[in-house]
C-alpha atoms as a PDB file:
ATOM      1  CA  MET A   1     -18.316 -74.184 -10.859  1.00  0.00           C
ATOM      2  CA  THR A   2     -16.341 -74.648 -13.990  1.00  0.00           C
ATOM      3  CA  ARG A   3     -18.113 -71.756 -15.639  1.00  0.00           C
ATOM      4  CA  THR A   4     -17.356 -69.456 -12.695  1.00  0.00           C
ATOM      5  CA  ARG A   5     -13.695 -70.450 -12.638  1.00  0.00           C
ATOM      6  CA  ARG A   6     -13.407 -69.912 -16.394  1.00  0.00           C
ATOM      7  CA  ARG A   7     -14.864 -66.421 -16.053  1.00  0.00           C
ATOM      8  CA  PHE A   8     -12.365 -65.663 -13.283  1.00  0.00           C
ATOM      9  CA  LEU A   9      -9.434 -66.859 -15.384  1.00  0.00           C
ATOM     10  CA  THR A  10     -10.608 -64.762 -18.314  1.00  0.00           C
ATOM     11  CA  SER A  11     -10.848 -61.689 -16.088  1.00  0.00           C
ATOM     12  CA  ALA A  12      -7.442 -62.381 -14.587  1.00  0.00           C
ATOM     13  CA  ALA A  13      -5.925 -62.720 -18.045  1.00  0.00           C
ATOM     14  CA  GLY A  14      -7.447 -59.407 -19.044  1.00  0.00           C
ATOM     15  CA  ILE A  15      -6.061 -57.683 -15.954  1.00  0.00           C
ATOM     16  CA  ALA A  16      -2.623 -59.200 -16.576  1.00  0.00           C
ATOM     17  CA  ALA A  17      -2.664 -58.020 -20.191  1.00  0.00           C
ATOM     18  CA  ALA A  18      -3.695 -54.522 -19.170  1.00  0.00           C
ATOM     19  CA  THR A  19      -1.035 -54.443 -16.468  1.00  0.00           C
ATOM     20  CA  THR A  20       1.624 -55.614 -18.933  1.00  0.00           C
ATOM     21  CA  ALA A  21       0.550 -52.982 -21.447  1.00  0.00           C
ATOM     22  CA  GLY A  22       0.639 -50.326 -18.736  1.00  0.00           C
ATOM     23  CA  LEU A  23       4.118 -51.356 -17.647  1.00  0.00           C
ATOM     24  CA  ALA A  24       5.316 -51.397 -21.256  1.00  0.00           C
ATOM     25  CA  GLY A  25       3.964 -47.892 -21.704  1.00  0.00           C
ATOM     26  CA  CYS A  26       5.738 -46.688 -18.577  1.00  0.00           C
ATOM     27  CA  LEU A  27       8.966 -48.387 -19.565  1.00  0.00           C
ATOM     28  CA  GLY A  28       8.681 -46.940 -23.063  1.00  0.00           C
ATOM     29  CA  THR A  29       8.375 -43.447 -21.620  1.00  0.00           C
ATOM     30  CA  ALA A  30      11.187 -43.963 -19.147  1.00  0.00           C
ATOM     31  CA  SER A  31      13.540 -45.280 -21.807  1.00  0.00           C
ATOM     32  CA  ALA A  32      13.045 -42.360 -24.198  1.00  0.00           C
ATOM     33  CA  THR A  33      16.520 -41.713 -25.614  1.00  0.00           C
ATOM     34  CA  THR A  34      18.116 -38.351 -25.032  1.00  0.00           C
ATOM     35  CA  GLY A  35      21.436 -36.584 -25.363  1.00  0.00           C
ATOM     36  CA  THR A  36      22.914 -33.275 -24.233  1.00  0.00           C
ATOM     37  CA  LEU A  37      23.203 -30.031 -26.184  1.00  0.00           C
ATOM     38  CA  SER A  38      25.900 -27.704 -24.883  1.00  0.00           C
ATOM     39  CA  ALA A  39      25.280 -24.269 -26.409  1.00  0.00           C
ATOM     40  CA  ARG A  40      28.318 -21.990 -26.479  1.00  0.00           C
ATOM     41  CA  VAL A  41      29.173 -18.571 -27.944  1.00  0.00           C
ATOM     42  CA  SER A  42      32.374 -17.270 -29.503  1.00  0.00           C
ATOM     43  CA  ASP A  43      33.377 -14.093 -31.341  1.00  0.00           C
ATOM     44  CA  LYS A  44      35.498 -13.806 -34.453  1.00  0.00           C
ATOM     45  CA  PRO A  45      36.663 -10.214 -34.984  1.00  0.00           C
ATOM     46  CA  GLY A  46      34.334  -7.977 -36.931  1.00  0.00           C
ATOM     47  CA  ASP A  47      34.591  -4.567 -35.310  1.00  0.00           C
ATOM     48  CA  ILE A  48      35.087  -5.983 -31.815  1.00  0.00           C
ATOM     49  CA  ALA A  49      38.363  -4.052 -31.546  1.00  0.00           C
ATOM     50  CA  ASP A  50      36.251  -0.892 -31.136  1.00  0.00           C
ATOM     51  CA  PHE A  51      34.958  -2.142 -27.791  1.00  0.00           C
ATOM     52  CA  GLU A  52      36.207  -2.162 -24.236  1.00  0.00           C
ATOM     53  CA  SER A  53      33.299  -4.457 -23.426  1.00  0.00           C
ATOM     54  CA  CYS A  54      30.314  -5.795 -25.344  1.00  0.00           C
ATOM     55  CA  VAL A  55      28.021  -7.754 -23.036  1.00  0.00           C
ATOM     56  CA  VAL A  56      25.110  -9.622 -24.597  1.00  0.00           C
ATOM     57  CA  THR A  57      22.297 -11.284 -22.653  1.00  0.00           C
ATOM     58  CA  VAL A  58      21.123 -14.552 -24.185  1.00  0.00           C
ATOM     59  CA  SER A  59      17.576 -15.312 -23.068  1.00  0.00           C
ATOM     60  CA  THR A  60      16.595 -18.194 -25.336  1.00  0.00           C
ATOM     61  CA  VAL A  61      18.129 -20.862 -27.534  1.00  0.00           C
ATOM     62  CA  ARG A  62      15.850 -22.291 -30.214  1.00  0.00           C
ATOM     63  CA  VAL A  63      16.400 -25.560 -32.028  1.00  0.00           C
ATOM     64  CA  LYS A  64      14.527 -26.943 -35.034  1.00  0.00           C
ATOM     65  CA  PRO A  65      14.301 -30.725 -35.443  1.00  0.00           C
ATOM     66  CA  ASP A  66      14.240 -32.050 -39.007  1.00  0.00           C
ATOM     67  CA  ASP A  67      10.823 -33.614 -38.449  1.00  0.00           C
ATOM     68  CA  GLY A  68       9.181 -31.404 -35.862  1.00  0.00           C
ATOM     69  CA  GLU A  69       8.335 -27.957 -34.589  1.00  0.00           C
ATOM     70  CA  ALA A  70      10.980 -25.574 -33.273  1.00  0.00           C
ATOM     71  CA  GLU A  71      11.629 -25.726 -29.532  1.00  0.00           C
ATOM     72  CA  SER A  72      12.447 -22.733 -27.325  1.00  0.00           C
ATOM     73  CA  LEU A  73      14.926 -23.468 -24.532  1.00  0.00           C
ATOM     74  CA  ASP A  74      15.358 -21.139 -21.562  1.00  0.00           C
ATOM     75  CA  ALA A  75      18.964 -19.928 -21.454  1.00  0.00           C
ATOM     76  CA  GLY A  76      18.535 -18.228 -18.079  1.00  0.00           C
ATOM     77  CA  ASP A  77      19.565 -14.746 -19.312  1.00  0.00           C
ATOM     78  CA  ALA A  78      23.218 -15.729 -19.647  1.00  0.00           C
ATOM     79  CA  GLU A  79      25.496 -12.670 -19.854  1.00  0.00           C
ATOM     80  CA  LEU A  80      28.548 -12.957 -22.103  1.00  0.00           C
ATOM     81  CA  ASP A  81      31.204 -10.362 -22.932  1.00  0.00           C
ATOM     82  CA  LEU A  82      32.141 -10.804 -26.594  1.00  0.00           C
ATOM     83  CA  VAL A  83      35.427  -8.931 -26.034  1.00  0.00           C
ATOM     84  CA  GLU A  84      36.561 -11.866 -23.882  1.00  0.00           C
ATOM     85  CA  LEU A  85      35.510 -14.439 -26.483  1.00  0.00           C
ATOM     86  CA  GLN A  86      37.809 -13.582 -29.366  1.00  0.00           C
ATOM     87  CA  GLY A  87      39.944 -16.097 -31.214  1.00  0.00           C
ATOM     88  CA  ASP A  88      39.450 -19.657 -30.000  1.00  0.00           C
ATOM     89  CA  ALA A  89      37.798 -18.607 -26.729  1.00  0.00           C
ATOM     90  CA  SER A  90      34.153 -19.462 -26.083  1.00  0.00           C
ATOM     91  CA  ALA A  91      31.705 -19.399 -23.176  1.00  0.00           C
ATOM     92  CA  LEU A  92      28.921 -21.736 -22.143  1.00  0.00           C
ATOM     93  CA  VAL A  93      25.401 -20.386 -22.471  1.00  0.00           C
ATOM     94  CA  GLU A  94      23.571 -23.423 -21.065  1.00  0.00           C
ATOM     95  CA  GLU A  95      23.254 -27.185 -21.410  1.00  0.00           C
ATOM     96  CA  PHE A  96      19.967 -28.811 -22.424  1.00  0.00           C
ATOM     97  CA  GLU A  97      18.688 -32.380 -22.559  1.00  0.00           C
ATOM     98  CA  LEU A  98      17.062 -33.078 -25.930  1.00  0.00           C
ATOM     99  CA  GLU A  99      15.596 -36.049 -27.727  1.00  0.00           C
ATOM    100  CA  THR A 100      17.971 -37.802 -30.096  1.00  0.00           C
ATOM    101  CA  GLY A 101      17.724 -36.966 -33.783  1.00  0.00           C
ATOM    102  CA  THR A 102      18.901 -34.513 -36.401  1.00  0.00           C
ATOM    103  CA  TYR A 103      18.298 -30.791 -35.977  1.00  0.00           C
ATOM    104  CA  GLU A 104      18.458 -28.444 -38.938  1.00  0.00           C
ATOM    105  CA  SER A 105      19.318 -25.153 -37.236  1.00  0.00           C
ATOM    106  CA  LEU A 106      19.920 -23.282 -33.986  1.00  0.00           C
ATOM    107  CA  GLN A 107      18.941 -19.747 -33.045  1.00  0.00           C
ATOM    108  CA  VAL A 108      20.253 -17.486 -30.299  1.00  0.00           C
ATOM    109  CA  GLU A 109      17.948 -14.805 -28.947  1.00  0.00           C
ATOM    110  CA  VAL A 110      19.762 -11.779 -27.535  1.00  0.00           C
ATOM    111  CA  SER A 111      17.416  -9.832 -25.272  1.00  0.00           C
ATOM    112  CA  GLU A 112      19.796  -7.062 -24.209  1.00  0.00           C
ATOM    113  CA  THR A 113      23.212  -5.550 -24.968  1.00  0.00           C
ATOM    114  CA  ASP A 114      25.471  -3.315 -22.887  1.00  0.00           C
ATOM    115  CA  ALA A 115      28.502  -2.049 -24.758  1.00  0.00           C
ATOM    116  CA  THR A 116      31.321   0.416 -24.062  1.00  0.00           C
ATOM    117  CA  LEU A 117      33.773   1.629 -26.690  1.00  0.00           C
ATOM    118  CA  THR A 118      37.515   1.887 -26.068  1.00  0.00           C
ATOM    119  CA  ASP A 119      37.173   5.674 -25.643  1.00  0.00           C
ATOM    120  CA  GLY A 120      34.814   5.096 -22.708  1.00  0.00           C
ATOM    121  CA  SER A 121      31.613   6.095 -24.489  1.00  0.00           C
ATOM    122  CA  SER A 122      28.601   3.824 -24.683  1.00  0.00           C
ATOM    123  CA  ALA A 123      27.650   2.163 -27.933  1.00  0.00           C
ATOM    124  CA  THR A 124      24.362   1.005 -29.422  1.00  0.00           C
ATOM    125  CA  VAL A 125      24.529  -2.641 -30.440  1.00  0.00           C
ATOM    126  CA  GLU A 126      21.415  -4.141 -31.975  1.00  0.00           C
ATOM    127  CA  VAL A 127      20.177  -7.384 -33.477  1.00  0.00           C
ATOM    128  CA  PRO A 128      18.810  -6.740 -37.013  1.00  0.00           C
ATOM    129  CA  GLY A 129      15.031  -6.629 -36.830  1.00  0.00           C
ATOM    130  CA  SER A 130      15.182  -7.688 -33.170  1.00  0.00           C
ATOM    131  CA  ALA A 131      15.088 -11.254 -34.516  1.00  0.00           C
ATOM    132  CA  PRO A 132      17.059 -14.188 -33.092  1.00  0.00           C
ATOM    133  CA  LEU A 133      20.471 -14.819 -34.638  1.00  0.00           C
ATOM    134  CA  LYS A 134      19.967 -17.883 -36.820  1.00  0.00           C
ATOM    135  CA  PHE A 135      22.669 -20.423 -37.604  1.00  0.00           C
ATOM    136  CA  GLU A 136      21.743 -22.659 -40.545  1.00  0.00           C
ATOM    137  CA  ARG A 137      23.929 -25.512 -39.392  1.00  0.00           C
ATOM    138  CA  SER A 138      22.586 -29.023 -38.918  1.00  0.00           C
ATOM    139  CA  PHE A 139      23.649 -31.097 -35.934  1.00  0.00           C
ATOM    140  CA  GLU A 140      22.757 -34.355 -34.232  1.00  0.00           C
ATOM    141  CA  ILE A 141      21.733 -35.188 -30.705  1.00  0.00           C
ATOM    142  CA  ARG A 142      23.113 -38.654 -29.984  1.00  0.00           C
ATOM    143  CA  ALA A 143      22.199 -40.998 -27.148  1.00  0.00           C
ATOM    144  CA  ASP A 144      24.360 -40.490 -24.059  1.00  0.00           C
ATOM    145  CA  GLU A 145      26.621 -38.020 -25.869  1.00  0.00           C
ATOM    146  CA  THR A 146      27.217 -34.287 -25.554  1.00  0.00           C
ATOM    147  CA  THR A 147      26.847 -32.191 -28.684  1.00  0.00           C
ATOM    148  CA  THR A 148      28.642 -28.863 -28.336  1.00  0.00           C
ATOM    149  CA  PHE A 149      27.298 -26.224 -30.719  1.00  0.00           C
ATOM    150  CA  THR A 150      29.441 -23.086 -30.709  1.00  0.00           C
ATOM    151  CA  ALA A 151      27.588 -20.176 -32.297  1.00  0.00           C
ATOM    152  CA  ASP A 152      29.853 -17.424 -33.538  1.00  0.00           C
ATOM    153  CA  PHE A 153      28.664 -13.825 -33.951  1.00  0.00           C
ATOM    154  CA  THR A 154      30.258 -10.398 -33.824  1.00  0.00           C
ATOM    155  CA  PRO A 155      29.355  -6.673 -33.750  1.00  0.00           C
ATOM    156  CA  VAL A 156      29.735  -4.898 -37.088  1.00  0.00           C
ATOM    157  CA  LYS A 157      29.558  -1.130 -37.515  1.00  0.00           C
ATOM    158  CA  ALA A 158      26.437   0.032 -39.360  1.00  0.00           C
ATOM    159  CA  GLY A 159      27.006   3.245 -41.311  1.00  0.00           C
ATOM    160  CA  ASN A 160      28.363   6.397 -39.693  1.00  0.00           C
ATOM    161  CA  ALA A 161      25.761   6.788 -36.956  1.00  0.00           C
ATOM    162  CA  GLY A 162      27.869   4.990 -34.370  1.00  0.00           C
ATOM    163  CA  LYS A 163      25.562   1.988 -34.278  1.00  0.00           C
ATOM    164  CA  TYR A 164      26.585  -1.648 -34.468  1.00  0.00           C
ATOM    165  CA  VAL A 165      24.644  -4.771 -35.373  1.00  0.00           C
ATOM    166  CA  LEU A 166      25.319  -8.340 -34.302  1.00  0.00           C
ATOM    167  CA  GLN A 167      25.941 -10.645 -37.237  1.00  0.00           C
ATOM    168  CA  PRO A 168      26.397 -14.430 -37.323  1.00  0.00           C
ATOM    169  CA  VAL A 169      29.758 -15.668 -38.604  1.00  0.00           C
ATOM    170  CA  ALA A 170      28.525 -18.814 -40.346  1.00  0.00           C
ATOM    171  CA  ASN A 171      31.888 -20.243 -41.380  1.00  0.00           C
ATOM    172  CA  GLU A 172      33.170 -20.187 -37.795  1.00  0.00           C
ATOM    173  CA  VAL A 173      30.360 -22.263 -36.277  1.00  0.00           C
ATOM    174  CA  THR A 174      31.611 -25.576 -34.857  1.00  0.00           C
ATOM    175  CA  VAL A 175      29.818 -28.735 -33.752  1.00  0.00           C
ATOM    176  CA  THR A 176      31.582 -31.253 -31.504  1.00  0.00           C
ATOM    177  CA  TYR A 177      30.388 -34.667 -30.361  1.00  0.00           C
ATOM    178  CA  GLU A 178      31.757 -36.243 -27.213  1.00  0.00           C
ATOM    179  CA  SER A 179      30.729 -39.591 -25.755  1.00  0.00           C
ATOM    180  CA  THR A 180      30.097 -39.791 -22.030  1.00  0.00           C
ATOM    181  CA  GLU A 181      31.483 -43.342 -22.000  1.00  0.00           C
ATOM    182  CA  THR A 182      34.704 -42.853 -23.969  1.00  0.00           C
ATOM    183  CA  THR A 183      37.199 -40.133 -24.718  1.00  0.00           C
ATOM    184  CA  ALA A 184      36.224 -40.060 -28.381  1.00  0.00           C
ATOM    185  CA  ASN A 185      35.753 -36.518 -29.593  1.00  0.00           C
ATOM    186  CA  GLU A 186      34.454 -35.676 -33.053  1.00  0.00           C
ATOM    187  CA  THR A 187      34.427 -32.111 -34.364  1.00  0.00           C
ATOM    188  CA  GLU A 188      32.717 -30.583 -37.373  1.00  0.00           C
ATOM    189  CA  THR A 189      34.106 -27.260 -38.601  1.00  0.00           C
ATOM    190  CA  ASN A 190      33.276 -25.683 -41.932  1.00  0.00           C
ATOM    191  CA  GLY A 191      31.806 -28.917 -43.193  1.00  0.00           C
ATOM    192  CA  THR A 192      34.715 -31.136 -42.098  1.00  0.00           C
ATOM    193  CA  THR A 193      34.509 -33.875 -39.496  1.00  0.00           C
ATOM    194  CA  THR A 194      37.515 -34.800 -37.352  1.00  0.00           C
ATOM    195  CA  ASP A 195      37.625 -37.739 -34.918  1.00  0.00           C
ATOM    196  CA  SER A 196      40.302 -37.336 -32.250  1.00  0.00           C
ATOM    197  CA  THR A 197      40.714 -41.111 -32.030  1.00  0.00           C
ATOM    198  CA  ALA A 198      41.880 -41.267 -35.642  1.00  0.00           C
ATOM    199  CA  THR A 199      44.454 -39.386 -37.690  1.00  0.00           C
ATOM    200  CA  GLU A 200      42.379 -39.009 -40.819  1.00  0.00           C
ATOM    201  CA  THR A 201      39.880 -36.257 -41.590  1.00  0.00           C
ATOM    202  CA  THR A 202      36.806 -37.061 -43.627  1.00  0.00           C
ATOM    203  CA  ALA A 203      34.896 -34.614 -45.792  1.00  0.00           C
ATOM    204  CA  ASN A 204      31.410 -33.783 -44.626  1.00  0.00           C
ATOM    205  CA  GLU A 205      28.489 -31.807 -45.987  1.00  0.00           C
ATOM    206  CA  THR A 206      29.333 -28.110 -46.312  1.00  0.00           C
ATOM    207  CA  ALA A 207      27.285 -25.912 -44.009  1.00  0.00           C
ATOM    208  CA  SER A 208      25.800 -22.676 -45.212  1.00  0.00           C
END
């Protein structure tokens, strides 16, 4: 009798341990920490003044974690008119939920362009080598915060053939961090970090 009861207790303990481990695994998965990436586009004047409209279709946003493989994020073929995004204006491409951590770069893949010059004629606007536009700017994804990465690129005339190419404007890329729980807003521009809750500006690592 004692032997049977001891065997039962041992089995019960094993089941309890397995159940606890299973629950811990489930809880560990459920509590994986994430934040939000808000990918936006802006346009600082290159030869944008030549255009009546310059609509680009963004199909994919790619991000590269410091310690992992690059991820491709579906941007839903967002259509953006760069003529309307001059100066401080910008437009949302898409928002994505990502794991927290540091990311070393972001790429924007433009799948299509539709451009009209101010004289009413159509223009050819291409991405060099049909490759994604790469922005070598590191950023963080923080728990329960929104990271806004504003990628800046512009059409630049290529030779005398009437063609234009899209080029990144690296020194106009901005990264902003905003907490979902407070009104704190921190912005990085040209390697400088500004926290809206404080009056001082602290130097940060210069971005290429």
